[in-house]
Amino acid sequence: MAVQISDLFHRTPAKRIFAGQCPTHGDVDMTEVEQLDGSMLARGCKRCQWEALHNSPRDSEAFARARAQADTERATAALVAAGITPRFAEATFDNYVAETDEQRKALAKCRGYAEQFPAHFRAGRSMLLTGNVGCGKTHLASAIVRTLVADRCRALIIPASDIISIARASMVPGSGYTDRDVVLHLGGLEFLAIDEVGCQKGSDYELGLLHAIIDRRYQAVLPTVLISNLAPENLKAYIGDRALDRLRQNGGLIAGFTWASKRAAA
């Protein structure tokens, strides 16, 4: 049975339906919806929200409240679908702690990339975040994704290991998809950030899969961000000259994270 390949990469928030009491409608089914930090939040009476959105005057407090709730739910669902995990639920540019010139430079590059993304998108301009563990690369990449999703960009941040696991699972009989479906889907997203590149074995299959995704995006002139704990020269040795060259074309950017891990100091 065929599966929707997007469902393998873009998770929807979990929901729980329970019996509740509404002052207006009496006994109703209510819903708890997963939030970005992994907690569950009760939505209240869905009939009340629907009626406020469709029957209340547009300048009323009831309409404004229902509209704000709907917008918040939509934004949360989009961030969950974009792969932002509970650990980085609050990751923004503003709360990234930059105390040294190197850290401020990395922050400025990532913030600038997000804020100028329309120009980078038109150019298919990619970016590399490379360097030591615990320096905030995933934090800043998540902040980039958060910014783009707010502008209705179809974006995804995902560890390389997850891509490989999903592709390998296609080989199980009856999976309903192929690893080519994985390449086509990831190759067509408006923005893709691949995290933890270089943490894998580096087998021919793994590297071939990453190369195929990078090349597909390169041919479509779509921007890609690669996040790796490897130094630039080691990343080049890992993914190869050809893949790295594609990421550096059209003025591809690089932000180096060369200071000691912040986690040790936390």
Protein backbone atom coordinates (compact mmCIF):
# COMPACT_ATOMS: atom_id res chain seq x y z
CA MET A 1 0.00 0.00 0.00
CA ALA A 2 1.43 3.37 -1.03
CA VAL A 3 2.16 5.87 1.69
CA GLN A 4 2.26 9.64 1.62
CA ILE A 5 5.97 10.32 1.64
CA SER A 6 5.40 13.71 3.26
CA ASP A 7 3.89 11.96 6.30
CA LEU A 8 7.25 10.30 6.95
CA PHE A 9 9.01 13.64 7.28
CA HIS A 10 6.38 16.16 8.38
CA ARG A 11 4.83 15.10 11.67
CA THR A 12 1.44 16.41 12.73
CA PRO A 13 0.85 17.36 16.38
CA ALA A 14 -0.67 14.64 18.53
CA LYS A 15 -4.29 15.09 19.61
CA ARG A 16 -6.41 13.62 22.38
CA ILE A 17 -10.20 13.86 22.40
CA PHE A 18 -12.00 13.88 25.74
CA ALA A 19 -15.48 14.61 27.06
CA GLY A 20 -15.95 18.13 28.35
CA GLN A 21 -18.51 20.67 29.46
CA CYS A 22 -19.19 23.91 27.57
CA PRO A 23 -21.33 26.62 29.26
CA THR A 24 -23.00 27.26 25.88
CA HIS A 25 -23.24 23.83 24.24
CA GLY A 26 -23.29 21.47 27.21
CA ASP A 27 -21.61 18.08 26.80
CA VAL A 28 -19.09 18.29 23.95
CA ASP A 29 -15.97 16.58 22.71
CA MET A 30 -12.91 18.66 23.49
CA THR A 31 -9.37 18.26 22.22
CA GLU A 32 -5.91 18.48 23.68
CA VAL A 33 -3.27 19.35 21.08
CA GLU A 34 0.47 18.79 21.33
CA GLN A 35 2.53 21.95 21.62
CA LEU A 36 6.01 22.53 20.25
CA ASP A 37 7.60 21.84 23.64
CA GLY A 38 5.88 18.45 23.83
CA SER A 39 3.19 19.49 26.31
CA MET A 40 -0.54 19.13 25.65
CA LEU A 41 -2.90 22.10 25.61
CA ALA A 42 -6.71 21.94 25.77
CA ARG A 43 -8.39 23.76 22.88
CA GLY A 44 -11.74 24.35 24.54
CA CYS A 45 -15.07 23.96 22.75
CA LYS A 46 -14.57 23.66 18.99
CA ARG A 47 -18.18 24.66 18.32
CA CYS A 48 -17.63 27.94 20.18
CA GLN A 49 -14.53 28.64 18.13
CA TRP A 50 -16.29 27.84 14.86
CA GLU A 51 -19.26 30.04 15.69
CA ALA A 52 -16.99 32.91 16.74
CA LEU A 53 -15.07 32.69 13.47
CA HIS A 54 -18.12 32.40 11.22
CA ASN A 55 -20.94 34.20 13.03
CA SER A 56 -19.35 36.94 15.14
CA PRO A 57 -18.68 40.44 13.77
CA ARG A 58 -15.11 40.81 12.50
CA ASP A 59 -14.44 43.64 14.95
CA SER A 60 -15.69 41.71 17.99
CA GLU A 61 -13.54 40.41 20.83
CA ALA A 62 -14.92 36.89 20.29
CA PHE A 63 -13.77 36.86 16.66
CA ALA A 64 -10.34 38.25 17.54
CA ARG A 65 -9.87 35.62 20.27
CA ALA A 66 -10.94 32.75 18.00
CA ARG A 67 -8.79 34.05 15.12
CA ALA A 68 -5.75 34.30 17.40
CA GLN A 69 -6.27 30.75 18.65
CA ALA A 70 -6.62 29.40 15.11
CA ASP A 71 -3.49 31.26 13.99
CA THR A 72 -1.52 29.95 16.96
CA GLU A 73 -2.63 26.37 16.28
CA ARG A 74 -1.68 26.70 12.61
CA ALA A 75 1.73 28.15 13.45
CA THR A 76 2.44 25.42 16.01
CA ALA A 77 1.45 22.69 13.56
CA ALA A 78 3.72 24.22 10.90
CA LEU A 79 6.71 24.30 13.27
CA VAL A 80 6.13 20.69 14.34
CA ALA A 81 5.87 19.68 10.67
CA ALA A 82 9.12 21.55 9.99
CA GLY A 83 11.00 19.24 12.34
CA ILE A 84 11.71 21.61 15.23
CA THR A 85 12.01 19.37 18.29
CA PRO A 86 10.90 20.10 21.87
CA ARG A 87 14.54 20.72 22.86
CA PHE A 88 14.67 23.64 20.44
CA ALA A 89 11.07 24.76 20.87
CA GLU A 90 12.21 28.15 22.19
CA ALA A 91 15.28 28.55 19.97
CA THR A 92 15.39 32.01 18.42
CA PHE A 93 18.08 34.42 17.31
CA ASP A 94 17.29 36.69 20.25
CA ASN A 95 17.96 34.06 22.92
CA TYR A 96 21.15 32.71 21.38
CA VAL A 97 23.91 33.69 23.81
CA ALA A 98 26.75 35.32 21.87
CA GLU A 99 29.50 36.59 24.15
CA THR A 100 32.54 36.63 21.84
CA ASP A 101 33.23 38.14 18.45
CA GLU A 102 33.23 34.67 16.87
CA GLN A 103 29.84 33.85 18.38
CA ARG A 104 28.38 37.21 17.36
CA LYS A 105 29.69 36.68 13.82
CA ALA A 106 28.02 33.26 13.56
CA LEU A 107 24.77 34.68 14.93
CA ALA A 108 24.85 37.59 12.48
CA LYS A 109 25.43 35.26 9.52
CA CYS A 110 22.54 32.99 10.45
CA ARG A 111 20.17 35.86 11.24
CA GLY A 112 21.13 37.60 8.01
CA TYR A 113 20.53 34.43 6.03
CA ALA A 114 17.01 34.12 7.44
CA GLU A 115 16.14 37.80 7.09
CA GLN A 116 17.42 37.94 3.50
CA PHE A 117 16.06 34.55 2.55
CA PRO A 118 13.98 35.72 -0.46
CA ALA A 119 17.21 36.78 -2.18
CA HIS A 120 19.00 33.59 -1.10
CA PHE A 121 16.05 31.53 -2.32
CA ARG A 122 16.09 33.13 -5.75
CA ALA A 123 19.82 32.41 -6.02
CA GLY A 124 19.54 28.91 -4.56
CA ARG A 125 22.19 29.99 -2.06
CA SER A 126 23.10 27.38 0.56
CA MET A 127 24.90 27.60 3.88
CA LEU A 128 27.24 25.45 5.97
CA LEU A 129 27.27 25.48 9.76
CA THR A 130 30.40 23.62 10.81
CA GLY A 131 32.55 23.16 13.89
CA ASN A 132 32.62 21.99 17.46
CA VAL A 133 29.82 20.22 19.31
CA GLY A 134 27.73 22.18 21.78
CA CYS A 135 28.22 25.56 20.11
CA GLY A 136 24.59 26.18 19.11
CA LYS A 137 24.55 25.17 15.45
CA THR A 138 21.20 23.38 15.73
CA HIS A 139 19.82 26.25 17.82
CA LEU A 140 20.59 28.74 15.05
CA ALA A 141 19.44 26.41 12.29
CA SER A 142 16.14 25.95 14.16
CA ALA A 143 15.86 29.75 14.45
CA ILE A 144 16.33 30.00 10.68
CA VAL A 145 13.57 27.44 10.12
CA ARG A 146 11.27 29.20 12.60
CA THR A 147 11.73 32.48 10.71
CA LEU A 148 11.06 30.90 7.32
CA VAL A 149 7.99 28.97 8.51
CA ALA A 150 6.52 32.21 9.84
CA ASP A 151 6.72 33.49 6.26
CA ARG A 152 4.87 30.38 5.02
CA CYS A 153 7.99 28.74 3.58
CA ARG A 154 7.88 24.95 3.26
CA ALA A 155 10.93 24.16 5.35
CA LEU A 156 12.34 21.16 7.18
CA ILE A 157 15.22 20.53 9.59
CA ILE A 158 16.12 16.87 9.99
CA PRO A 159 19.12 14.83 11.15
CA ALA A 160 20.96 13.00 8.37
CA SER A 161 20.49 9.76 10.34
CA ASP A 162 16.69 10.12 10.12
CA ILE A 163 16.86 10.60 6.35
CA ILE A 164 18.98 7.47 6.03
CA SER A 165 16.72 5.45 8.35
CA ILE A 166 13.60 6.42 6.40
CA ALA A 167 15.31 5.63 3.09
CA ARG A 168 16.54 2.24 4.33
CA ALA A 169 13.05 1.40 5.61
CA SER A 170 11.81 1.68 2.02
CA MET A 171 13.60 -1.61 1.32
CA VAL A 172 11.26 -3.51 3.64
CA PRO A 173 8.67 -5.40 1.56
CA GLY A 174 5.35 -3.57 1.58
CA SER A 175 6.79 -0.25 2.72
CA GLY A 176 4.79 1.54 0.03
CA TYR A 177 7.58 3.88 -1.06
CA THR A 178 11.13 3.84 -2.42
CA ASP A 179 14.32 5.66 -1.51
CA ARG A 180 13.85 7.60 -4.76
CA ASP A 181 10.61 8.96 -3.28
CA VAL A 182 12.72 10.20 -0.36
CA VAL A 183 15.12 11.99 -2.72
CA LEU A 184 12.29 13.52 -4.74
CA HIS A 185 10.47 14.82 -1.67
CA LEU A 186 13.49 16.31 0.09
CA GLY A 187 14.82 17.55 -3.21
CA GLY A 188 11.70 19.61 -3.79
CA LEU A 189 11.25 21.42 -0.46
CA GLU A 190 11.72 25.16 -0.55
CA PHE A 191 14.27 24.90 2.26
CA LEU A 192 16.06 21.92 3.79
CA ALA A 193 18.48 21.85 6.73
CA ILE A 194 20.31 18.54 7.21
CA ASP A 195 21.68 18.22 10.74
CA GLU A 196 24.45 16.03 12.18
CA VAL A 197 26.12 15.37 8.84
CA GLY A 198 29.22 13.26 9.42
CA CYS A 199 27.90 11.37 12.46
CA GLN A 200 27.07 8.38 10.26
CA LYS A 201 29.32 5.54 9.10
CA GLY A 202 29.76 7.14 5.71
CA SER A 203 28.86 4.01 3.77
CA ASP A 204 28.49 4.18 0.00
CA TYR A 205 24.71 4.03 0.38
CA GLU A 206 24.55 6.83 2.96
CA LEU A 207 26.84 9.14 1.02
CA GLY A 208 25.11 8.31 -2.26
CA LEU A 209 21.74 9.22 -0.73
CA LEU A 210 22.99 12.56 0.65
CA HIS A 211 24.68 13.34 -2.68
CA ALA A 212 21.46 12.57 -4.57
CA ILE A 213 19.45 14.94 -2.34
CA ILE A 214 22.04 17.72 -2.55
CA ASP A 215 22.33 17.31 -6.32
CA ARG A 216 18.55 17.27 -6.78
CA ARG A 217 18.28 20.54 -4.88
CA TYR A 218 21.24 22.00 -6.75
CA GLN A 219 19.61 21.21 -10.10
CA ALA A 220 16.35 22.81 -8.89
CA VAL A 221 18.26 25.88 -7.56
CA LEU A 222 16.95 25.32 -4.03
CA PRO A 223 18.86 26.35 -0.87
CA THR A 224 20.21 23.77 1.55
CA VAL A 225 21.82 24.16 4.96
CA LEU A 226 24.25 21.50 6.12
CA ILE A 227 25.06 21.28 9.85
CA SER A 228 28.10 19.29 10.89
CA ASN A 229 30.52 18.88 13.79
CA LEU A 230 33.25 18.32 11.23
CA ALA A 231 35.71 21.06 10.32
CA PRO A 232 35.32 22.30 6.72
CA GLU A 233 38.27 20.24 5.44
CA ASN A 234 36.94 17.09 7.14
CA LEU A 235 33.43 17.75 5.85
CA LYS A 236 34.89 18.01 2.36
CA ALA A 237 36.58 14.64 2.82
CA TYR A 238 33.33 13.13 4.13
CA ILE A 239 30.79 14.30 1.53
CA GLY A 240 33.24 14.79 -1.35
CA ASP A 241 34.36 17.69 -3.52
CA ARG A 242 31.36 17.55 -5.83
CA ALA A 243 28.70 17.85 -3.11
CA LEU A 244 30.60 20.56 -1.26
CA ASP A 245 31.15 22.48 -4.48
CA ARG A 246 27.41 22.52 -5.14
CA LEU A 247 26.74 23.90 -1.68
CA ARG A 248 29.34 26.64 -2.11
CA GLN A 249 28.15 27.82 -5.53
CA ASN A 250 26.28 31.11 -6.01
CA GLY A 251 28.04 32.63 -3.01
CA GLY A 252 27.23 29.83 -0.59
CA LEU A 253 27.83 30.95 3.00
CA ILE A 254 29.72 29.30 5.83
CA ALA A 255 29.57 29.94 9.56
CA GLY A 256 32.30 28.42 11.70
CA PHE A 257 31.76 27.37 15.31
CA THR A 258 35.29 27.01 16.68
CA TRP A 259 34.90 27.76 20.39
CA ALA A 260 34.52 25.29 23.24
CA SER A 261 31.20 23.60 23.91
CA LYS A 262 28.68 25.75 25.76
CA ARG A 263 27.13 22.62 27.27
CA ALA A 264 30.15 22.00 29.49
CA ALA A 265 29.74 25.47 30.99
CA ALA A 266 25.99 25.14 31.50
